[in-house]
Amino acid sequence: MNVTLKSITPTEVCQAATTLILAEGGTSTLVVQQFLRNRGYQTNQAEVSKHLLAVAMQKGWAINDNGLFQVYHFPTLSTFPQ
């Protein structure tokens, strides 16, 4: 059996992260990586991290660093300037 894995793009990372944030309230690169692998994508931590950071910056998502890893989530209304 020959299985071909798909390559990831920022769009796939964005869709995966959005799905996970909506379902769980937040996500990390490791969770996004596993989510994509379960859907037949070839992923590595560095590539997912690069795409996820770019997407988060572009979309204005909040990023919290807990000392071990970064957690990405949608911003709350209180984080917007008044």
C-alpha atoms as a PDB file:
ATOM      1  CA  MET A   1       0.000   0.000   0.000  1.00  0.00           C
ATOM      2  CA  ASN A   2       1.486   3.307  -1.127  1.00  0.00           C
ATOM      3  CA  VAL A   3       0.149   6.300   0.827  1.00  0.00           C
ATOM      4  CA  THR A   4       0.833   9.803  -0.451  1.00  0.00           C
ATOM      5  CA  LEU A   5       0.710  12.533   2.171  1.00  0.00           C
ATOM      6  CA  LYS A   6      -0.441  16.025   1.238  1.00  0.00           C
ATOM      7  CA  SER A   7       1.737  19.086   1.887  1.00  0.00           C
ATOM      8  CA  ILE A   8       0.419  21.843   4.132  1.00  0.00           C
ATOM      9  CA  THR A   9      -0.147  25.475   3.214  1.00  0.00           C
ATOM     10  CA  PRO A  10      -1.039  28.476   5.373  1.00  0.00           C
ATOM     11  CA  THR A  11      -4.687  27.962   4.333  1.00  0.00           C
ATOM     12  CA  GLU A  12      -4.811  24.434   5.759  1.00  0.00           C
ATOM     13  CA  VAL A  13      -3.096  25.586   8.955  1.00  0.00           C
ATOM     14  CA  CYS A  14      -5.554  28.469   9.294  1.00  0.00           C
ATOM     15  CA  GLN A  15      -8.565  26.206   8.766  1.00  0.00           C
ATOM     16  CA  ALA A  16      -7.265  23.615  11.223  1.00  0.00           C
ATOM     17  CA  ALA A  17      -6.422  26.219  13.877  1.00  0.00           C
ATOM     18  CA  THR A  18      -9.784  27.967  13.450  1.00  0.00           C
ATOM     19  CA  THR A  19     -11.606  24.657  13.852  1.00  0.00           C
ATOM     20  CA  LEU A  20      -9.609  23.797  16.959  1.00  0.00           C
ATOM     21  CA  ILE A  21     -10.006  27.245  18.535  1.00  0.00           C
ATOM     22  CA  LEU A  22     -13.764  27.127  17.982  1.00  0.00           C
ATOM     23  CA  ALA A  23     -13.946  23.617  19.466  1.00  0.00           C
ATOM     24  CA  GLU A  24     -11.464  23.991  22.334  1.00  0.00           C
ATOM     25  CA  GLY A  25     -11.078  27.732  22.943  1.00  0.00           C
ATOM     26  CA  GLY A  26      -7.399  27.688  21.971  1.00  0.00           C
ATOM     27  CA  THR A  27      -4.755  25.618  20.226  1.00  0.00           C
ATOM     28  CA  SER A  28      -1.016  25.084  19.864  1.00  0.00           C
ATOM     29  CA  THR A  29       1.258  24.094  17.018  1.00  0.00           C
ATOM     30  CA  LEU A  30       1.456  20.546  18.345  1.00  0.00           C
ATOM     31  CA  VAL A  31      -2.334  20.157  18.344  1.00  0.00           C
ATOM     32  CA  VAL A  32      -2.634  21.691  14.860  1.00  0.00           C
ATOM     33  CA  GLN A  33       0.142  19.397  13.634  1.00  0.00           C
ATOM     34  CA  GLN A  34      -1.629  16.290  14.976  1.00  0.00           C
ATOM     35  CA  PHE A  35      -4.984  17.466  13.575  1.00  0.00           C
ATOM     36  CA  LEU A  36      -3.471  17.839  10.107  1.00  0.00           C
ATOM     37  CA  ARG A  37      -1.594  14.524  10.303  1.00  0.00           C
ATOM     38  CA  ASN A  38      -4.859  12.774  11.145  1.00  0.00           C
ATOM     39  CA  ARG A  39      -6.256  14.224   7.925  1.00  0.00           C
ATOM     40  CA  GLY A  40      -3.463  12.942   5.704  1.00  0.00           C
ATOM     41  CA  TYR A  41      -1.053  15.885   5.674  1.00  0.00           C
ATOM     42  CA  GLN A  42       2.702  15.614   5.983  1.00  0.00           C
ATOM     43  CA  THR A  43       3.686  18.029   8.739  1.00  0.00           C
ATOM     44  CA  ASN A  44       6.594  18.997  10.920  1.00  0.00           C
ATOM     45  CA  GLN A  45       6.648  21.256  13.960  1.00  0.00           C
ATOM     46  CA  ALA A  46       8.769  24.005  12.388  1.00  0.00           C
ATOM     47  CA  GLU A  47       6.570  24.365   9.315  1.00  0.00           C
ATOM     48  CA  VAL A  48       3.318  24.362  11.301  1.00  0.00           C
ATOM     49  CA  SER A  49       4.784  26.889  13.744  1.00  0.00           C
ATOM     50  CA  LYS A  50       5.885  29.203  10.929  1.00  0.00           C
ATOM     51  CA  HIS A  51       2.481  29.112   9.221  1.00  0.00           C
ATOM     52  CA  LEU A  52       0.501  29.387  12.453  1.00  0.00           C
ATOM     53  CA  LEU A  53       2.449  32.422  13.649  1.00  0.00           C
ATOM     54  CA  ALA A  54       1.979  34.151  10.276  1.00  0.00           C
ATOM     55  CA  VAL A  55      -1.759  33.391  10.284  1.00  0.00           C
ATOM     56  CA  ALA A  56      -2.150  34.563  13.892  1.00  0.00           C
ATOM     57  CA  MET A  57      -0.361  37.841  13.163  1.00  0.00           C
ATOM     58  CA  GLN A  58      -2.398  38.437  10.013  1.00  0.00           C
ATOM     59  CA  LYS A  59      -5.731  37.637  11.701  1.00  0.00           C
ATOM     60  CA  GLY A  60      -4.957  39.455  14.955  1.00  0.00           C
ATOM     61  CA  TRP A  61      -5.255  36.334  17.116  1.00  0.00           C
ATOM     62  CA  ALA A  62      -4.010  36.442  20.697  1.00  0.00           C
ATOM     63  CA  ILE A  63      -0.870  34.438  21.513  1.00  0.00           C
ATOM     64  CA  ASN A  64      -0.092  33.433  25.094  1.00  0.00           C
ATOM     65  CA  ASP A  65       3.275  31.919  25.956  1.00  0.00           C
ATOM     66  CA  ASN A  66       2.961  29.659  28.996  1.00  0.00           C
ATOM     67  CA  GLY A  67       6.704  28.979  29.181  1.00  0.00           C
ATOM     68  CA  LEU A  68       6.490  25.599  27.444  1.00  0.00           C
ATOM     69  CA  PHE A  69       4.579  26.498  24.281  1.00  0.00           C
ATOM     70  CA  GLN A  70       2.420  29.187  22.741  1.00  0.00           C
ATOM     71  CA  VAL A  71      -1.365  28.993  22.886  1.00  0.00           C
ATOM     72  CA  TYR A  72      -3.281  30.678  20.069  1.00  0.00           C
ATOM     73  CA  HIS A  73      -6.845  31.906  20.484  1.00  0.00           C
ATOM     74  CA  PHE A  74      -9.215  34.511  19.176  1.00  0.00           C
ATOM     75  CA  PRO A  75      -8.880  37.916  20.849  1.00  0.00           C
ATOM     76  CA  THR A  76     -11.472  38.941  23.401  1.00  0.00           C
ATOM     77  CA  LEU A  77     -13.270  42.251  23.218  1.00  0.00           C
ATOM     78  CA  SER A  78     -11.269  43.529  26.171  1.00  0.00           C
ATOM     79  CA  THR A  79      -8.027  43.282  24.155  1.00  0.00           C
ATOM     80  CA  PHE A  80      -9.235  45.799  21.564  1.00  0.00           C
ATOM     81  CA  PRO A  81      -8.316  49.453  22.165  1.00  0.00           C
ATOM     82  CA  GLN A  82     -11.133  51.609  23.476  1.00  0.00           C
END
